[in-house]
Amino acid sequence: MFRPCIDLHEGKVKQIVGGTLNDAGARTNFVSEKAEARAALAAYPGGLHLGGGVNAANARSWLDAGASHVIVTSWVFREGQVDWARLDELVKTTGKDKLVLDLSCRWRGEKYFVVTDRWQKFTDLEVNAETFRIFSAYCAEFLIHAVDVEGLCRGIDRELVALLGQFSPIPTTYAGGANSLADLEAVTKLGQGKVDLTIGSALDIFGGSGVKYADCVNFNRRR
């Protein structure tokens, strides 16, 4: 299934080339002046996930503002390792059913590892069956960007999608590299019908030329 995504950075809607995000900014494919986060949540209460700077102190306020779920990555890691106390605190605040854990990853050696802090810092957490089993007890969904291809519109990371379809026991959304409706069909097949796809920079509504938003909506309706 296709799941649309609005990326906000510095108060603006942006489509970012993931691997370029750092302290100085990021290379972008698209920038709009519209859709500040709270305005978007108010316009579609209960219909949007919200991620970016979420922690145990502010997660409840985002849910109260209209987010259906909050998405969290970096806050549950410290010095490259999972901070289990923070994760427990977060789940107590949001509830398991309102939390999406972002396990976005990059390829290193022969494996995928979760990256944090604008996707620049590797953790010691490998993306594998055991990781999915453990973390599925803490959240309702996983969000996983293939950071090495994110925003490049050069096609999906097929190996990662297949891994998600094989091992993730809960709903999972893959993001990164999609540039055609064929990629949406490939994710459905490789993910064994269990993995959804986020398309960003390739969408016509974000200035892309590879995928029409209307075609994605029709794909979902056919399913």
Protein backbone atom coordinates (compact mmCIF):
# COMPACT_ATOMS: atom_id res chain seq x y z
CA MET A 1 0.00 0.00 0.00
CA PHE A 2 1.09 3.56 -0.73
CA ARG A 3 1.38 5.87 2.29
CA PRO A 4 1.90 9.59 1.62
CA CYS A 5 4.42 11.49 3.73
CA ILE A 6 4.96 15.18 4.48
CA ASP A 7 8.53 15.97 5.57
CA LEU A 8 8.96 19.13 7.62
CA HIS A 9 12.32 20.82 8.17
CA GLU A 10 12.76 24.27 9.69
CA GLY A 11 8.99 24.83 9.51
CA LYS A 12 8.70 24.09 5.79
CA VAL A 13 7.57 21.12 3.75
CA LYS A 14 10.69 19.64 2.17
CA GLN A 15 11.72 16.56 0.25
CA ILE A 16 15.25 15.88 1.47
CA VAL A 17 18.06 13.79 0.02
CA GLY A 18 18.49 11.74 3.19
CA GLY A 19 22.21 11.08 3.19
CA THR A 20 22.99 14.82 2.92
CA LEU A 21 21.24 15.87 6.15
CA ASN A 22 23.71 17.34 8.67
CA ASP A 23 24.26 20.31 10.98
CA ALA A 24 24.63 22.64 8.00
CA GLY A 25 21.32 21.61 6.42
CA ALA A 26 20.49 19.24 3.60
CA ARG A 27 20.18 18.99 -0.16
CA THR A 28 16.52 19.17 -1.13
CA ASN A 29 14.45 18.13 -4.13
CA PHE A 30 11.45 20.28 -3.21
CA VAL A 31 10.66 23.08 -0.74
CA SER A 32 7.27 24.63 0.00
CA GLU A 33 6.23 27.40 2.36
CA LYS A 34 3.10 25.48 3.38
CA ALA A 35 2.01 23.06 6.16
CA GLU A 36 3.38 23.86 9.58
CA ALA A 37 3.05 20.71 11.69
CA ARG A 38 0.28 21.71 14.10
CA ALA A 39 -1.78 23.19 11.26
CA ALA A 40 -1.49 19.92 9.32
CA LEU A 41 -2.56 17.87 12.36
CA ALA A 42 -5.51 20.18 12.98
CA ALA A 43 -6.59 19.85 9.36
CA TYR A 44 -6.59 16.05 9.51
CA PRO A 45 -6.98 15.01 13.17
CA GLY A 46 -6.23 11.37 13.79
CA GLY A 47 -4.98 10.88 10.24
CA LEU A 48 -1.28 11.71 10.41
CA HIS A 49 1.83 10.37 12.09
CA LEU A 50 4.22 12.98 13.49
CA GLY A 51 7.98 12.57 13.81
CA GLY A 52 11.01 14.76 14.39
CA GLY A 53 12.34 15.74 17.79
CA VAL A 54 9.77 13.63 19.62
CA ASN A 55 10.61 12.52 23.16
CA ALA A 56 8.83 11.49 26.36
CA ALA A 57 8.34 15.13 27.37
CA ASN A 58 6.50 16.26 24.23
CA ALA A 59 5.01 13.07 22.74
CA ARG A 60 1.69 13.42 24.54
CA SER A 61 1.27 17.01 23.35
CA TRP A 62 1.60 15.91 19.72
CA LEU A 63 -0.99 13.18 20.23
CA ASP A 64 -3.29 15.70 21.91
CA ALA A 65 -2.76 18.04 18.93
CA GLY A 66 -4.20 15.41 16.59
CA ALA A 67 -1.41 13.01 15.62
CA SER A 68 -2.57 9.41 15.36
CA HIS A 69 0.95 8.20 16.24
CA VAL A 70 4.33 9.69 17.07
CA ILE A 71 7.52 8.51 15.35
CA VAL A 72 10.72 8.28 17.37
CA THR A 73 14.31 7.34 16.57
CA SER A 74 17.26 9.23 18.01
CA TRP A 75 15.81 9.89 21.46
CA VAL A 76 15.84 6.19 22.40
CA PHE A 77 19.54 5.86 21.57
CA ARG A 78 22.57 7.20 23.44
CA GLU A 79 26.18 6.78 22.35
CA GLY A 80 25.17 4.29 19.69
CA GLN A 81 23.19 2.00 21.98
CA VAL A 82 19.54 1.59 22.90
CA ASP A 83 18.59 3.44 26.07
CA TRP A 84 16.03 0.99 27.44
CA ALA A 85 15.00 3.29 30.28
CA ARG A 86 14.12 6.03 27.80
CA LEU A 87 12.20 3.58 25.64
CA ASP A 88 10.21 2.35 28.63
CA GLU A 89 9.46 5.94 29.64
CA LEU A 90 8.29 6.76 26.14
CA VAL A 91 5.95 3.78 25.93
CA LYS A 92 4.42 4.68 29.31
CA THR A 93 3.74 8.17 27.92
CA THR A 94 2.30 7.24 24.52
CA GLY A 95 1.12 3.68 24.90
CA LYS A 96 2.42 0.96 22.58
CA ASP A 97 -0.48 1.47 20.17
CA LYS A 98 0.47 5.12 19.48
CA LEU A 99 4.20 4.67 18.95
CA VAL A 100 6.07 4.12 15.68
CA LEU A 101 9.75 3.27 16.03
CA ASP A 102 11.91 4.57 13.20
CA LEU A 103 14.69 2.06 12.57
CA SER A 104 16.07 3.80 9.49
CA CYS A 105 19.33 2.24 8.44
CA ARG A 106 22.45 2.30 6.30
CA TRP A 107 24.54 -0.49 4.86
CA ARG A 108 27.86 -1.19 6.58
CA GLY A 109 30.00 -4.21 5.88
CA GLU A 110 27.52 -6.91 5.01
CA LYS A 111 24.63 -5.74 7.20
CA TYR A 112 22.15 -2.93 7.80
CA PHE A 113 22.54 -0.89 10.99
CA VAL A 114 20.18 1.70 12.49
CA VAL A 115 21.43 5.28 12.17
CA THR A 116 20.45 8.28 14.30
CA ASP A 117 21.10 12.03 14.62
CA ARG A 118 20.12 13.14 11.13
CA TRP A 119 21.08 9.66 9.90
CA GLN A 120 24.76 10.48 10.37
CA LYS A 121 25.61 8.27 13.39
CA PHE A 122 25.71 4.49 13.25
CA THR A 123 24.35 2.57 16.22
CA ASP A 124 25.29 -0.98 17.13
CA LEU A 125 21.73 -2.15 16.39
CA GLU A 126 21.53 -4.44 13.38
CA VAL A 127 18.30 -4.58 11.37
CA ASN A 128 17.45 -8.29 11.56
CA ALA A 129 14.83 -10.75 12.78
CA GLU A 130 15.87 -10.51 16.43
CA THR A 131 15.68 -6.71 16.42
CA PHE A 132 12.18 -6.79 14.97
CA ARG A 133 11.07 -9.40 17.49
CA ILE A 134 12.32 -7.41 20.48
CA PHE A 135 11.16 -3.96 19.42
CA SER A 136 7.74 -5.08 18.21
CA ALA A 137 6.82 -5.42 21.88
CA TYR A 138 7.22 -1.64 22.29
CA CYS A 139 5.41 -0.17 19.28
CA ALA A 140 2.54 -0.44 16.84
CA GLU A 141 4.57 -0.01 13.65
CA PHE A 142 8.07 0.33 12.24
CA LEU A 143 9.21 3.04 9.83
CA ILE A 144 12.41 2.26 7.96
CA HIS A 145 14.17 4.59 5.55
CA ALA A 146 16.86 3.13 3.34
CA VAL A 147 19.07 6.15 3.97
CA ASP A 148 21.62 5.35 1.26
CA VAL A 149 18.96 5.75 -1.45
CA GLU A 150 16.57 8.16 0.29
CA GLY A 151 15.60 11.12 -1.90
CA LEU A 152 17.67 9.99 -4.90
CA CYS A 153 14.74 8.63 -6.97
CA ARG A 154 16.93 5.83 -8.32
CA GLY A 155 14.82 2.91 -7.23
CA ILE A 156 14.14 1.06 -3.99
CA ASP A 157 16.57 -1.06 -1.97
CA ARG A 158 15.07 -4.39 -2.93
CA GLU A 159 17.18 -6.42 -0.51
CA LEU A 160 16.04 -4.35 2.46
CA VAL A 161 12.38 -4.55 1.42
CA ALA A 162 12.64 -8.34 1.16
CA LEU A 163 14.23 -8.46 4.63
CA LEU A 164 11.34 -6.43 6.07
CA GLY A 165 8.77 -8.68 4.47
CA GLN A 166 10.45 -11.77 5.81
CA PHE A 167 11.12 -10.71 9.39
CA SER A 168 8.93 -7.83 10.60
CA PRO A 169 6.01 -9.14 12.69
CA ILE A 170 4.07 -5.85 12.77
CA PRO A 171 3.02 -3.26 10.13
CA THR A 172 6.08 -1.71 8.51
CA THR A 173 6.57 1.19 6.14
CA TYR A 174 9.61 1.36 3.87
CA ALA A 175 10.88 4.65 2.42
CA GLY A 176 13.73 5.41 0.04
CA GLY A 177 14.41 5.71 -3.66
CA ALA A 178 10.97 4.98 -5.10
CA ASN A 179 10.65 6.51 -8.57
CA SER A 180 7.82 4.67 -10.33
CA LEU A 181 4.58 2.82 -9.85
CA ALA A 182 6.58 -0.32 -10.60
CA ASP A 183 8.44 0.27 -7.31
CA LEU A 184 5.09 0.27 -5.49
CA GLU A 185 4.25 -3.05 -7.11
CA ALA A 186 7.71 -4.43 -6.27
CA VAL A 187 7.40 -3.48 -2.59
CA THR A 188 4.02 -5.23 -2.45
CA LYS A 189 5.57 -8.40 -3.88
CA LEU A 190 8.97 -8.39 -2.15
CA GLY A 191 7.38 -7.38 1.15
CA GLN A 192 4.92 -10.27 0.89
CA GLY A 193 2.02 -7.86 1.18
CA LYS A 194 3.14 -6.79 4.67
CA VAL A 195 5.23 -3.71 3.80
CA ASP A 196 3.84 -0.31 2.80
CA LEU A 197 5.75 2.23 0.73
CA THR A 198 6.31 5.95 1.22
CA ILE A 199 6.92 7.93 -1.97
CA GLY A 200 8.20 11.48 -1.69
CA SER A 201 10.42 13.27 -4.18
CA ALA A 202 9.15 11.32 -7.21
CA LEU A 203 5.53 12.41 -6.65
CA ASP A 204 4.06 14.99 -9.02
CA ILE A 205 2.62 16.96 -6.08
CA PHE A 206 6.20 17.55 -4.91
CA GLY A 207 7.47 18.52 -8.34
CA GLY A 208 8.51 15.00 -9.31
CA SER A 209 7.88 13.37 -12.66
CA GLY A 210 8.06 9.65 -11.86
CA VAL A 211 4.78 9.01 -10.05
CA LYS A 212 1.35 10.61 -10.15
CA TYR A 213 -0.34 10.92 -6.78
CA ALA A 214 -3.67 9.94 -8.38
CA ASP A 215 -2.14 6.70 -9.68
CA CYS A 216 -0.96 5.80 -6.16
CA VAL A 217 -4.44 6.43 -4.76
CA ASN A 218 -5.94 4.21 -7.47
CA PHE A 219 -3.37 1.50 -6.65
CA ASN A 220 -4.57 1.47 -3.05
CA ARG A 221 -8.20 1.36 -4.11
CA ARG A 222 -7.54 -1.66 -6.35
CA ARG A 223 -6.00 -3.48 -3.42
